[in-house]
Amino acid sequence: MHAEMRSDPEGLTWAGKLHLCDLAGSERIAQTGATGERLREAQHINKSLSALEQVMLALQQKQQQQPTPQNPQPPQPAGHSAAHEVHVPYRNSKLTLLLSDALGAKGVCAQTMLLLHV
């Protein structure tokens, strides 16, 4: 869902996007006894969740490599920043590709909330 808000006096536009992903069926496959189509669906969901985990880990690693006032890094040669060497695998699944902008792929401020019902 996309939403926009415009401020006429200033001419500013605020945009937002809401992603809802239903990952029902992502339980442990061996415990469910699922077969056929339900088994394939559960496998795809689990693959997407694993890809999401890899993206989150890469983003964490990338953030840890960013210099801070408390932990400045030595200067890198031009074009060789350590933070740019971390590959974030957004394209490994449709889920992570669709959520890439929500996870900060475009370099914009993103707020992400994950709700789990266990």
C-alpha atoms as a PDB file:
ATOM      1  CA  MET A   1       0.000   0.000   0.000  1.00  0.00           C
ATOM      2  CA  HIS A   2       1.380   3.418  -0.969  1.00  0.00           C
ATOM      3  CA  ALA A   3       0.412   6.655   0.745  1.00  0.00           C
ATOM      4  CA  GLU A   4       1.404  10.243  -0.001  1.00  0.00           C
ATOM      5  CA  MET A   5       0.904  13.430   1.950  1.00  0.00           C
ATOM      6  CA  ARG A   6       1.502  16.847   0.424  1.00  0.00           C
ATOM      7  CA  SER A   7       2.146  20.089   2.214  1.00  0.00           C
ATOM      8  CA  ASP A   8       0.849  22.838  -0.102  1.00  0.00           C
ATOM      9  CA  PRO A   9       2.509  25.884   1.512  1.00  0.00           C
ATOM     10  CA  GLU A  10       5.954  24.286   1.417  1.00  0.00           C
ATOM     11  CA  GLY A  11       5.475  22.028  -1.599  1.00  0.00           C
ATOM     12  CA  LEU A  12       6.807  19.005   0.294  1.00  0.00           C
ATOM     13  CA  THR A  13       5.636  15.483  -0.407  1.00  0.00           C
ATOM     14  CA  TRP A  14       5.911  12.687   2.130  1.00  0.00           C
ATOM     15  CA  ALA A  15       5.550   9.151   0.841  1.00  0.00           C
ATOM     16  CA  GLY A  16       5.155   5.890   2.675  1.00  0.00           C
ATOM     17  CA  LYS A  17       4.776   2.251   1.829  1.00  0.00           C
ATOM     18  CA  LEU A  18       3.304  -0.591   3.848  1.00  0.00           C
ATOM     19  CA  HIS A  19       4.268  -4.197   3.096  1.00  0.00           C
ATOM     20  CA  LEU A  20       2.141  -7.030   4.464  1.00  0.00           C
ATOM     21  CA  CYS A  21       3.596 -10.515   4.025  1.00  0.00           C
ATOM     22  CA  ASP A  22       1.694 -13.589   5.129  1.00  0.00           C
ATOM     23  CA  LEU A  23       4.209 -16.325   5.808  1.00  0.00           C
ATOM     24  CA  ALA A  24       1.705 -18.792   7.190  1.00  0.00           C
ATOM     25  CA  GLY A  25       2.825 -22.358   6.755  1.00  0.00           C
ATOM     26  CA  SER A  26       6.463 -21.720   7.589  1.00  0.00           C
ATOM     27  CA  GLU A  27       6.470 -24.307  10.334  1.00  0.00           C
ATOM     28  CA  ARG A  28       8.902 -27.190  10.490  1.00  0.00           C
ATOM     29  CA  ILE A  29       8.191 -29.329   7.470  1.00  0.00           C
ATOM     30  CA  ALA A  30       9.075 -32.662   9.070  1.00  0.00           C
ATOM     31  CA  GLN A  31       6.590 -32.129  11.912  1.00  0.00           C
ATOM     32  CA  THR A  32       3.640 -31.306   9.657  1.00  0.00           C
ATOM     33  CA  GLY A  33       3.698 -34.324   7.389  1.00  0.00           C
ATOM     34  CA  ALA A  34       2.962 -31.990   4.470  1.00  0.00           C
ATOM     35  CA  THR A  35       3.099 -33.479   0.991  1.00  0.00           C
ATOM     36  CA  GLY A  36       2.590 -32.270  -2.542  1.00  0.00           C
ATOM     37  CA  GLU A  37       1.671 -28.629  -3.030  1.00  0.00           C
ATOM     38  CA  ARG A  38       1.692 -27.807   0.709  1.00  0.00           C
ATOM     39  CA  LEU A  39       5.210 -29.233   0.996  1.00  0.00           C
ATOM     40  CA  ARG A  40       6.454 -27.119  -1.934  1.00  0.00           C
ATOM     41  CA  GLU A  41       4.789 -24.017  -0.463  1.00  0.00           C
ATOM     42  CA  ALA A  42       6.413 -24.594   2.939  1.00  0.00           C
ATOM     43  CA  GLN A  43       9.795 -25.130   1.264  1.00  0.00           C
ATOM     44  CA  HIS A  44       9.478 -21.831  -0.644  1.00  0.00           C
ATOM     45  CA  ILE A  45       8.484 -19.974   2.526  1.00  0.00           C
ATOM     46  CA  ASN A  46      11.411 -21.438   4.446  1.00  0.00           C
ATOM     47  CA  LYS A  47      13.776 -20.542   1.592  1.00  0.00           C
ATOM     48  CA  SER A  48      12.461 -16.958   1.651  1.00  0.00           C
ATOM     49  CA  LEU A  49      12.887 -16.740   5.416  1.00  0.00           C
ATOM     50  CA  SER A  50      16.467 -18.007   5.113  1.00  0.00           C
ATOM     51  CA  ALA A  51      17.138 -15.380   2.434  1.00  0.00           C
ATOM     52  CA  LEU A  52      15.656 -12.703   4.715  1.00  0.00           C
ATOM     53  CA  GLU A  53      17.975 -13.858   7.488  1.00  0.00           C
ATOM     54  CA  GLN A  54      20.984 -13.577   5.156  1.00  0.00           C
ATOM     55  CA  VAL A  55      19.961 -10.040   4.155  1.00  0.00           C
ATOM     56  CA  MET A  56      19.562  -8.991   7.782  1.00  0.00           C
ATOM     57  CA  LEU A  57      22.971 -10.462   8.688  1.00  0.00           C
ATOM     58  CA  ALA A  58      24.636  -8.692   5.747  1.00  0.00           C
ATOM     59  CA  LEU A  59      22.995  -5.390   6.723  1.00  0.00           C
ATOM     60  CA  GLN A  60      24.219  -5.853  10.283  1.00  0.00           C
ATOM     61  CA  GLN A  61      27.750  -6.569   9.066  1.00  0.00           C
ATOM     62  CA  LYS A  62      27.628  -3.551   6.753  1.00  0.00           C
ATOM     63  CA  GLN A  63      26.489  -1.313   9.610  1.00  0.00           C
ATOM     64  CA  GLN A  64      29.254  -2.602  11.892  1.00  0.00           C
ATOM     65  CA  GLN A  65      31.843  -1.626   9.282  1.00  0.00           C
ATOM     66  CA  GLN A  66      30.661   2.002   9.217  1.00  0.00           C
ATOM     67  CA  PRO A  67      33.096   4.319  10.988  1.00  0.00           C
ATOM     68  CA  THR A  68      31.862   6.038  14.145  1.00  0.00           C
ATOM     69  CA  PRO A  69      33.426   8.800  16.252  1.00  0.00           C
ATOM     70  CA  GLN A  70      34.304   6.145  18.842  1.00  0.00           C
ATOM     71  CA  ASN A  71      35.764   3.753  16.262  1.00  0.00           C
ATOM     72  CA  PRO A  72      37.235   5.636  13.272  1.00  0.00           C
ATOM     73  CA  GLN A  73      38.697   3.472  10.556  1.00  0.00           C
ATOM     74  CA  PRO A  74      41.887   4.238   8.663  1.00  0.00           C
ATOM     75  CA  PRO A  75      41.257   5.933   5.308  1.00  0.00           C
ATOM     76  CA  GLN A  76      40.656   3.540   2.436  1.00  0.00           C
ATOM     77  CA  PRO A  77      41.893   4.079  -1.122  1.00  0.00           C
ATOM     78  CA  ALA A  78      39.351   5.833  -3.348  1.00  0.00           C
ATOM     79  CA  GLY A  79      36.463   3.532  -4.187  1.00  0.00           C
ATOM     80  CA  HIS A  80      37.505   0.872  -1.669  1.00  0.00           C
ATOM     81  CA  SER A  81      35.404   1.580   1.390  1.00  0.00           C
ATOM     82  CA  ALA A  82      35.079  -1.515   3.571  1.00  0.00           C
ATOM     83  CA  ALA A  83      31.336  -0.892   3.980  1.00  0.00           C
ATOM     84  CA  HIS A  84      30.834  -1.233   0.221  1.00  0.00           C
ATOM     85  CA  GLU A  85      32.485  -4.637   0.138  1.00  0.00           C
ATOM     86  CA  VAL A  86      29.594  -6.283   2.003  1.00  0.00           C
ATOM     87  CA  HIS A  87      27.149  -7.750  -0.502  1.00  0.00           C
ATOM     88  CA  VAL A  88      23.526  -7.635   0.624  1.00  0.00           C
ATOM     89  CA  PRO A  89      21.750 -10.485  -1.251  1.00  0.00           C
ATOM     90  CA  TYR A  90      18.378  -8.794  -1.894  1.00  0.00           C
ATOM     91  CA  ARG A  91      17.857 -10.777  -5.116  1.00  0.00           C
ATOM     92  CA  ASN A  92      18.070 -14.216  -3.507  1.00  0.00           C
ATOM     93  CA  SER A  93      14.299 -14.432  -3.083  1.00  0.00           C
ATOM     94  CA  LYS A  94      11.166 -12.621  -4.159  1.00  0.00           C
ATOM     95  CA  LEU A  95      10.464 -11.701  -0.537  1.00  0.00           C
ATOM     96  CA  THR A  96      13.784  -9.922  -0.003  1.00  0.00           C
ATOM     97  CA  LEU A  97      13.616  -8.279  -3.428  1.00  0.00           C
ATOM     98  CA  LEU A  98      10.146  -6.890  -2.685  1.00  0.00           C
ATOM     99  CA  LEU A  99      11.224  -5.734   0.776  1.00  0.00           C
ATOM    100  CA  SER A 100      14.572  -4.300  -0.362  1.00  0.00           C
ATOM    101  CA  ASP A 101      13.434  -0.674  -0.227  1.00  0.00           C
ATOM    102  CA  ALA A 102      11.905  -1.236   3.221  1.00  0.00           C
ATOM    103  CA  LEU A 103      15.235  -2.636   4.381  1.00  0.00           C
ATOM    104  CA  GLY A 104      17.151   0.415   3.175  1.00  0.00           C
ATOM    105  CA  ALA A 105      18.446  -0.707  -0.225  1.00  0.00           C
ATOM    106  CA  LYS A 106      17.906   2.725  -1.772  1.00  0.00           C
ATOM    107  CA  GLY A 107      19.772   4.475   1.002  1.00  0.00           C
ATOM    108  CA  VAL A 108      16.649   6.137   2.366  1.00  0.00           C
ATOM    109  CA  CYS A 109      15.441   6.109   5.935  1.00  0.00           C
ATOM    110  CA  ALA A 110      13.436   2.965   6.541  1.00  0.00           C
ATOM    111  CA  GLN A 111      11.585   1.740   9.567  1.00  0.00           C
ATOM    112  CA  THR A 112      10.848  -1.956   9.596  1.00  0.00           C
ATOM    113  CA  MET A 113       8.645  -3.869  11.983  1.00  0.00           C
ATOM    114  CA  LEU A 114       8.328  -7.632  11.965  1.00  0.00           C
ATOM    115  CA  LEU A 115       5.349  -9.225  13.683  1.00  0.00           C
ATOM    116  CA  LEU A 116       5.478 -12.909  14.516  1.00  0.00           C
ATOM    117  CA  HIS A 117       2.730 -15.150  15.764  1.00  0.00           C
ATOM    118  CA  VAL A 118       4.256 -18.333  17.126  1.00  0.00           C
END
